Amino acid sequence: MFNLLRRKWTLVGWDTFEGREYHIGTFATERGTKRAARRRLRKLERTQPSHISGGQRGIQDQVFVISPSGKRSRYVG
């Protein structure tokens, strides 16, 4: 249990075009992780506008929050 409490929150992205995951950051709190996730989604909207991204609707890259327990959740804002 002690080891679980020392683990951090992690933010990763998924590059749909390249088919790979990439590390965005590691954070001490869930709140900080979600704040960074919101910033990342805003950046993706600027660089990959959903109306033209890959010729499809929606942002192509995705953002995931990984809790200290290892649970992974897609962050959608």
PDB file of N, CA and C in Angstrom:
ATOM      1  N   MET A   1       0.820  -1.193   0.000  1.00  0.00           N
ATOM      2  CA  MET A   1       0.000   0.000   0.000  1.00  0.00           C
ATOM      3  C   MET A   1       0.864   1.257   0.000  1.00  0.00           C
ATOM      4  N   PHE A   2       1.938   1.267   0.753  1.00  0.00           N
ATOM      5  CA  PHE A   2       2.816   2.428   0.809  1.00  0.00           C
ATOM      6  C   PHE A   2       3.349   2.778  -0.584  1.00  0.00           C
ATOM      7  N   ASN A   3       3.758   1.781  -1.344  1.00  0.00           N
ATOM      8  CA  ASN A   3       4.277   2.006  -2.687  1.00  0.00           C
ATOM      9  C   ASN A   3       3.217   2.617  -3.588  1.00  0.00           C
ATOM     10  N   LEU A   4       1.969   2.201  -3.451  1.00  0.00           N
ATOM     11  CA  LEU A   4       0.878   2.735  -4.246  1.00  0.00           C
ATOM     12  C   LEU A   4       0.689   4.218  -3.956  1.00  0.00           C
ATOM     13  N   LEU A   5       0.827   4.630  -2.709  1.00  0.00           N
ATOM     14  CA  LEU A   5       0.632   6.026  -2.340  1.00  0.00           C
ATOM     15  C   LEU A   5       1.735   6.930  -2.902  1.00  0.00           C
ATOM     16  N   ARG A   6       2.894   6.392  -3.160  1.00  0.00           N
ATOM     17  CA  ARG A   6       4.019   7.184  -3.669  1.00  0.00           C
ATOM     18  C   ARG A   6       3.984   7.345  -5.175  1.00  0.00           C
ATOM     19  N   ARG A   7       3.172   6.568  -5.870  1.00  0.00           N
ATOM     20  CA  ARG A   7       3.120   6.647  -7.320  1.00  0.00           C
ATOM     21  C   ARG A   7       2.454   7.932  -7.774  1.00  0.00           C
ATOM     22  N   LYS A   8       2.735   8.349  -8.946  1.00  0.00           N
ATOM     23  CA  LYS A   8       2.241   9.603  -9.501  1.00  0.00           C
ATOM     24  C   LYS A   8       1.150   9.361 -10.547  1.00  0.00           C
ATOM     25  N   TRP A   9       0.470  10.431 -10.876  1.00  0.00           N
ATOM     26  CA  TRP A   9      -0.481  10.439 -11.980  1.00  0.00           C
ATOM     27  C   TRP A   9       0.307  10.674 -13.269  1.00  0.00           C
ATOM     28  N   THR A  10      -0.121  10.051 -14.355  1.00  0.00           N
ATOM     29  CA  THR A  10       0.590  10.161 -15.621  1.00  0.00           C
ATOM     30  C   THR A  10      -0.371  10.590 -16.723  1.00  0.00           C
ATOM     31  N   LEU A  11       0.125  11.397 -17.633  1.00  0.00           N
ATOM     32  CA  LEU A  11      -0.648  11.840 -18.779  1.00  0.00           C
ATOM     33  C   LEU A  11       0.080  11.375 -20.033  1.00  0.00           C
ATOM     34  N   VAL A  12      -0.633  10.653 -20.882  1.00  0.00           N
ATOM     35  CA  VAL A  12      -0.052  10.174 -22.137  1.00  0.00           C
ATOM     36  C   VAL A  12      -0.972  10.546 -23.293  1.00  0.00           C
ATOM     37  N   GLY A  13      -0.375  10.621 -24.459  1.00  0.00           N
ATOM     38  CA  GLY A  13      -1.138  10.880 -25.660  1.00  0.00           C
ATOM     39  C   GLY A  13      -1.054   9.689 -26.588  1.00  0.00           C
ATOM     40  N   TRP A  14      -2.029   9.603 -27.488  1.00  0.00           N
ATOM     41  CA  TRP A  14      -2.029   8.553 -28.509  1.00  0.00           C
ATOM     42  C   TRP A  14      -2.023   9.235 -29.861  1.00  0.00           C
ATOM     43  N   ASP A  15      -0.968   9.009 -30.641  1.00  0.00           N
ATOM     44  CA  ASP A  15      -0.844   9.557 -31.979  1.00  0.00           C
ATOM     45  C   ASP A  15      -1.487   8.566 -32.940  1.00  0.00           C
ATOM     46  N   THR A  16      -2.665   8.888 -33.404  1.00  0.00           N
ATOM     47  CA  THR A  16      -3.419   7.976 -34.270  1.00  0.00           C
ATOM     48  C   THR A  16      -2.702   7.747 -35.590  1.00  0.00           C
ATOM     49  N   PHE A  17      -2.127   8.793 -36.157  1.00  0.00           N
ATOM     50  CA  PHE A  17      -1.441   8.677 -37.441  1.00  0.00           C
ATOM     51  C   PHE A  17      -0.260   7.730 -37.360  1.00  0.00           C
ATOM     52  N   GLU A  18       0.560   7.877 -36.314  1.00  0.00           N
ATOM     53  CA  GLU A  18       1.741   7.022 -36.147  1.00  0.00           C
ATOM     54  C   GLU A  18       1.436   5.719 -35.434  1.00  0.00           C
ATOM     55  N   GLY A  19       0.274   5.638 -34.774  1.00  0.00           N
ATOM     56  CA  GLY A  19      -0.093   4.417 -34.062  1.00  0.00           C
ATOM     57  C   GLY A  19       0.790   4.145 -32.858  1.00  0.00           C
ATOM     58  N   ARG A  20       1.111   5.227 -32.120  1.00  0.00           N
ATOM     59  CA  ARG A  20       1.978   5.036 -30.952  1.00  0.00           C
ATOM     60  C   ARG A  20       1.567   5.970 -29.823  1.00  0.00           C
ATOM     61  N   GLU A  21       1.939   5.557 -28.627  1.00  0.00           N
ATOM     62  CA  GLU A  21       1.687   6.343 -27.429  1.00  0.00           C
ATOM     63  C   GLU A  21       2.911   7.201 -27.136  1.00  0.00           C
ATOM     64  N   TYR A  22       2.682   8.381 -26.554  1.00  0.00           N
ATOM     65  CA  TYR A  22       3.795   9.242 -26.156  1.00  0.00           C
ATOM     66  C   TYR A  22       3.510   9.842 -24.790  1.00  0.00           C
ATOM     67  N   HIS A  23       4.569  10.030 -24.031  1.00  0.00           N
ATOM     68  CA  HIS A  23       4.487  10.548 -22.664  1.00  0.00           C
ATOM     69  C   HIS A  23       4.333  12.065 -22.707  1.00  0.00           C
ATOM     70  N   ILE A  24       3.364  12.588 -21.940  1.00  0.00           N
ATOM     71  CA  ILE A  24       3.167  14.032 -21.854  1.00  0.00           C
ATOM     72  C   ILE A  24       3.716  14.569 -20.537  1.00  0.00           C
ATOM     73  N   GLY A  25       3.442  13.869 -19.437  1.00  0.00           N
ATOM     74  CA  GLY A  25       3.945  14.347 -18.162  1.00  0.00           C
ATOM     75  C   GLY A  25       3.536  13.474 -16.998  1.00  0.00           C
ATOM     76  N   THR A  26       4.156  13.721 -15.855  1.00  0.00           N
ATOM     77  CA  THR A  26       3.867  13.028 -14.607  1.00  0.00           C
ATOM     78  C   THR A  26       3.534  14.092 -13.572  1.00  0.00           C
ATOM     79  N   PHE A  27       2.497  13.838 -12.779  1.00  0.00           N
ATOM     80  CA  PHE A  27       1.966  14.845 -11.869  1.00  0.00           C
ATOM     81  C   PHE A  27       1.695  14.240 -10.492  1.00  0.00           C
ATOM     82  N   ALA A  28       1.699  15.105  -9.480  1.00  0.00           N
ATOM     83  CA  ALA A  28       1.483  14.658  -8.109  1.00  0.00           C
ATOM     84  C   ALA A  28       0.001  14.484  -7.793  1.00  0.00           C
ATOM     85  N   THR A  29      -0.875  15.215  -8.511  1.00  0.00           N
ATOM     86  CA  THR A  29      -2.300  15.181  -8.180  1.00  0.00           C
ATOM     87  C   THR A  29      -3.156  14.926  -9.413  1.00  0.00           C
ATOM     88  N   GLU A  30      -4.353  14.419  -9.160  1.00  0.00           N
ATOM     89  CA  GLU A  30      -5.321  14.220 -10.235  1.00  0.00           C
ATOM     90  C   GLU A  30      -5.720  15.565 -10.843  1.00  0.00           C
ATOM     91  N   ARG A  31      -5.904  16.552  -9.991  1.00  0.00           N
ATOM     92  CA  ARG A  31      -6.300  17.880 -10.458  1.00  0.00           C
ATOM     93  C   ARG A  31      -5.262  18.465 -11.422  1.00  0.00           C
ATOM     94  N   GLY A  32      -3.995  18.363 -11.051  1.00  0.00           N
ATOM     95  CA  GLY A  32      -2.933  18.860 -11.921  1.00  0.00           C
ATOM     96  C   GLY A  32      -2.872  18.107 -13.239  1.00  0.00           C
ATOM     97  N   THR A  33      -3.116  16.812 -13.181  1.00  0.00           N
ATOM     98  CA  THR A  33      -3.105  15.987 -14.386  1.00  0.00           C
ATOM     99  C   THR A  33      -4.222  16.408 -15.328  1.00  0.00           C
ATOM    100  N   LYS A  34      -5.411  16.608 -14.776  1.00  0.00           N
ATOM    101  CA  LYS A  34      -6.552  17.005 -15.614  1.00  0.00           C
ATOM    102  C   LYS A  34      -6.382  18.411 -16.168  1.00  0.00           C
ATOM    103  N   ARG A  35      -5.765  19.286 -15.418  1.00  0.00           N
ATOM    104  CA  ARG A  35      -5.490  20.637 -15.919  1.00  0.00           C
ATOM    105  C   ARG A  35      -4.543  20.550 -17.128  1.00  0.00           C
ATOM    106  N   ALA A  36      -3.513  19.725 -17.026  1.00  0.00           N
ATOM    107  CA  ALA A  36      -2.572  19.537 -18.130  1.00  0.00           C
ATOM    108  C   ALA A  36      -3.266  18.874 -19.324  1.00  0.00           C
ATOM    109  N   ALA A  37      -4.190  17.958 -19.046  1.00  0.00           N
ATOM    110  CA  ALA A  37      -4.931  17.295 -20.124  1.00  0.00           C
ATOM    111  C   ALA A  37      -5.784  18.306 -20.889  1.00  0.00           C
ATOM    112  N   ARG A  38      -6.433  19.221 -20.168  1.00  0.00           N
ATOM    113  CA  ARG A  38      -7.234  20.261 -20.837  1.00  0.00           C
ATOM    114  C   ARG A  38      -6.354  21.131 -21.728  1.00  0.00           C
ATOM    115  N   ARG A  39      -5.184  21.498 -21.204  1.00  0.00           N
ATOM    116  CA  ARG A  39      -4.256  22.306 -22.014  1.00  0.00           C
ATOM    117  C   ARG A  39      -3.830  21.550 -23.263  1.00  0.00           C
ATOM    118  N   ARG A  40      -3.567  20.262 -23.098  1.00  0.00           N
ATOM    119  CA  ARG A  40      -3.133  19.449 -24.247  1.00  0.00           C
ATOM    120  C   ARG A  40      -4.232  19.371 -25.299  1.00  0.00           C
ATOM    121  N   LEU A  41      -5.482  19.178 -24.873  1.00  0.00           N
ATOM    122  CA  LEU A  41      -6.584  19.118 -25.833  1.00  0.00           C
ATOM    123  C   LEU A  41      -6.751  20.443 -26.566  1.00  0.00           C
ATOM    124  N   ARG A  42      -6.579  21.569 -25.856  1.00  0.00           N
ATOM    125  CA  ARG A  42      -6.650  22.882 -26.518  1.00  0.00           C
ATOM    126  C   ARG A  42      -5.540  23.013 -27.560  1.00  0.00           C
ATOM    127  N   LYS A  43      -4.345  22.547 -27.212  1.00  0.00           N
ATOM    128  CA  LYS A  43      -3.234  22.598 -28.165  1.00  0.00           C
ATOM    129  C   LYS A  43      -3.533  21.720 -29.378  1.00  0.00           C
ATOM    130  N   LEU A  44      -4.072  20.545 -29.140  1.00  0.00           N
ATOM    131  CA  LEU A  44      -4.418  19.662 -30.254  1.00  0.00           C
ATOM    132  C   LEU A  44      -5.462  20.307 -31.162  1.00  0.00           C
ATOM    133  N   GLU A  45      -6.414  21.003 -30.572  1.00  0.00           N
ATOM    134  CA  GLU A  45      -7.442  21.662 -31.381  1.00  0.00           C
ATOM    135  C   GLU A  45      -6.823  22.768 -32.246  1.00  0.00           C
ATOM    136  N   ARG A  46      -5.794  23.441 -31.730  1.00  0.00           N
ATOM    137  CA  ARG A  46      -5.117  24.461 -32.534  1.00  0.00           C
ATOM    138  C   ARG A  46      -4.278  23.841 -33.647  1.00  0.00           C
ATOM    139  N   THR A  47      -3.580  22.745 -33.342  1.00  0.00           N
ATOM    140  CA  THR A  47      -2.654  22.148 -34.312  1.00  0.00           C
ATOM    141  C   THR A  47      -3.300  21.094 -35.208  1.00  0.00           C
ATOM    142  N   GLN A  48      -4.384  20.501 -34.738  1.00  0.00           N
ATOM    143  CA  GLN A  48      -5.117  19.491 -35.512  1.00  0.00           C
ATOM    144  C   GLN A  48      -6.607  19.834 -35.451  1.00  0.00           C
ATOM    145  N   PRO A  49      -7.018  20.923 -36.081  1.00  0.00           N
ATOM    146  CA  PRO A  49      -8.424  21.341 -35.961  1.00  0.00           C
ATOM    147  C   PRO A  49      -9.376  20.197 -36.279  1.00  0.00           C
ATOM    148  N   SER A  50     -10.362  20.014 -35.420  1.00  0.00           N
ATOM    149  CA  SER A  50     -11.261  18.871 -35.573  1.00  0.00           C
ATOM    150  C   SER A  50     -12.022  18.910 -36.882  1.00  0.00           C
ATOM    151  N   HIS A  51     -12.257  20.089 -37.440  1.00  0.00           N
ATOM    152  CA  HIS A  51     -13.024  20.147 -38.680  1.00  0.00           C
ATOM    153  C   HIS A  51     -12.213  19.701 -39.902  1.00  0.00           C
ATOM    154  N   ILE A  52     -10.886  19.591 -39.780  1.00  0.00           N
ATOM    155  CA  ILE A  52     -10.082  19.134 -40.913  1.00  0.00           C
ATOM    156  C   ILE A  52      -9.129  17.997 -40.555  1.00  0.00           C
ATOM    157  N   SER A  53      -9.111  17.569 -39.331  1.00  0.00           N
ATOM    158  CA  SER A  53      -8.136  16.583 -38.859  1.00  0.00           C
ATOM    159  C   SER A  53      -8.346  15.228 -39.525  1.00  0.00           C
ATOM    160  N   GLY A  54      -7.441  14.882 -40.390  1.00  0.00           N
ATOM    161  CA  GLY A  54      -7.506  13.582 -41.051  1.00  0.00           C
ATOM    162  C   GLY A  54      -8.702  13.421 -41.972  1.00  0.00           C
ATOM    163  N   GLY A  55      -9.324  14.524 -42.315  1.00  0.00           N
ATOM    164  CA  GLY A  55     -10.502  14.436 -43.166  1.00  0.00           C
ATOM    165  C   GLY A  55     -11.711  13.866 -42.450  1.00  0.00           C
ATOM    166  N   GLN A  56     -11.606  13.717 -41.135  1.00  0.00           N
ATOM    167  CA  GLN A  56     -12.699  13.161 -40.344  1.00  0.00           C
ATOM    168  C   GLN A  56     -13.090  14.153 -39.265  1.00  0.00           C
ATOM    169  N   ARG A  57     -14.247  13.937 -38.676  1.00  0.00           N
ATOM    170  CA  ARG A  57     -14.660  14.782 -37.562  1.00  0.00           C
ATOM    171  C   ARG A  57     -13.917  14.375 -36.303  1.00  0.00           C
ATOM    172  N   GLY A  58     -13.600  15.343 -35.486  1.00  0.00           N
ATOM    173  CA  GLY A  58     -12.961  15.063 -34.198  1.00  0.00           C
ATOM    174  C   GLY A  58     -11.457  15.083 -34.265  1.00  0.00           C
ATOM    175  N   ILE A  59     -10.860  15.370 -33.133  1.00  0.00           N
ATOM    176  CA  ILE A  59      -9.406  15.371 -33.022  1.00  0.00           C
ATOM    177  C   ILE A  59      -8.906  13.947 -33.170  1.00  0.00           C
ATOM    178  N   GLN A  60      -7.858  13.772 -33.937  1.00  0.00           N
ATOM    179  CA  GLN A  60      -7.321  12.433 -34.161  1.00  0.00           C
ATOM    180  C   GLN A  60      -6.510  11.937 -32.971  1.00  0.00           C
ATOM    181  N   ASP A  61      -5.638  12.767 -32.442  1.00  0.00           N
ATOM    182  CA  ASP A  61      -4.863  12.338 -31.276  1.00  0.00           C
ATOM    183  C   ASP A  61      -5.774  12.296 -30.050  1.00  0.00           C
ATOM    184  N   GLN A  62      -5.439  11.435 -29.118  1.00  0.00           N
ATOM    185  CA  GLN A  62      -6.228  11.282 -27.900  1.00  0.00           C
ATOM    186  C   GLN A  62      -5.325  11.482 -26.690  1.00  0.00           C
ATOM    187  N   VAL A  63      -5.943  11.800 -25.549  1.00  0.00           N
ATOM    188  CA  VAL A  63      -5.214  12.034 -24.306  1.00  0.00           C
ATOM    189  C   VAL A  63      -5.772  11.102 -23.238  1.00  0.00           C
ATOM    190  N   PHE A  64      -4.878  10.448 -22.494  1.00  0.00           N
ATOM    191  CA  PHE A  64      -5.276   9.510 -21.456  1.00  0.00           C
ATOM    192  C   PHE A  64      -4.639   9.875 -20.123  1.00  0.00           C
ATOM    193  N   VAL A  65      -5.429   9.759 -19.070  1.00  0.00           N
ATOM    194  CA  VAL A  65      -4.969   9.947 -17.699  1.00  0.00           C
ATOM    195  C   VAL A  65      -4.777   8.565 -17.093  1.00  0.00           C
ATOM    196  N   ILE A  66      -3.614   8.327 -16.487  1.00  0.00           N
ATOM    197  CA  ILE A  66      -3.348   7.048 -15.824  1.00  0.00           C
ATOM    198  C   ILE A  66      -3.185   7.343 -14.332  1.00  0.00           C
ATOM    199  N   SER A  67      -4.071   6.738 -13.537  1.00  0.00           N
ATOM    200  CA  SER A  67      -4.057   6.970 -12.088  1.00  0.00           C
ATOM    201  C   SER A  67      -2.895   6.223 -11.438  1.00  0.00           C
ATOM    202  N   PRO A  68      -2.585   6.540 -10.185  1.00  0.00           N
ATOM    203  CA  PRO A  68      -1.523   5.808  -9.484  1.00  0.00           C
ATOM    204  C   PRO A  68      -1.784   4.302  -9.406  1.00  0.00           C
ATOM    205  N   SER A  69      -3.053   3.887  -9.463  1.00  0.00           N
ATOM    206  CA  SER A  69      -3.362   2.454  -9.415  1.00  0.00           C
ATOM    207  C   SER A  69      -3.189   1.784 -10.773  1.00  0.00           C
ATOM    208  N   GLY A  70      -2.960   2.591 -11.823  1.00  0.00           N
ATOM    209  CA  GLY A  70      -2.782   2.032 -13.163  1.00  0.00           C
ATOM    210  C   GLY A  70      -4.019   2.118 -14.034  1.00  0.00           C
ATOM    211  N   LYS A  71      -5.128   2.605 -13.481  1.00  0.00           N
ATOM    212  CA  LYS A  71      -6.351   2.737 -14.278  1.00  0.00           C
ATOM    213  C   LYS A  71      -6.178   3.822 -15.320  1.00  0.00           C
ATOM    214  N   ARG A  72      -6.508   3.488 -16.564  1.00  0.00           N
ATOM    215  CA  ARG A  72      -6.350   4.409 -17.690  1.00  0.00           C
ATOM    216  C   ARG A  72      -7.727   4.876 -18.148  1.00  0.00           C
ATOM    217  N   SER A  73      -7.862   6.203 -18.300  1.00  0.00           N
ATOM    218  CA  SER A  73      -9.129   6.788 -18.752  1.00  0.00           C
ATOM    219  C   SER A  73      -8.851   7.811 -19.827  1.00  0.00           C
ATOM    220  N   ARG A  74      -9.618   7.732 -20.906  1.00  0.00           N
ATOM    221  CA  ARG A  74      -9.487   8.741 -21.951  1.00  0.00           C
ATOM    222  C   ARG A  74     -10.035  10.065 -21.428  1.00  0.00           C
ATOM    223  N   TYR A  75      -9.288  11.138 -21.623  1.00  0.00           N
ATOM    224  CA  TYR A  75      -9.722  12.455 -21.186  1.00  0.00           C
ATOM    225  C   TYR A  75     -10.367  13.158 -22.368  1.00  0.00           C
ATOM    226  N   VAL A  76     -11.613  13.569 -22.181  1.00  0.00           N
ATOM    227  CA  VAL A  76     -12.343  14.230 -23.265  1.00  0.00           C
ATOM    228  C   VAL A  76     -12.744  15.658 -22.920  1.00  0.00           C
ATOM    229  N   GLY A  77     -12.360  16.123 -21.764  1.00  0.00           N
ATOM    230  CA  GLY A  77     -12.620  17.507 -21.404  1.00  0.00           C
ATOM    231  C   GLY A  77     -13.715  17.698 -20.492  1.00  0.00           C
TER     232      GLY A  77
END
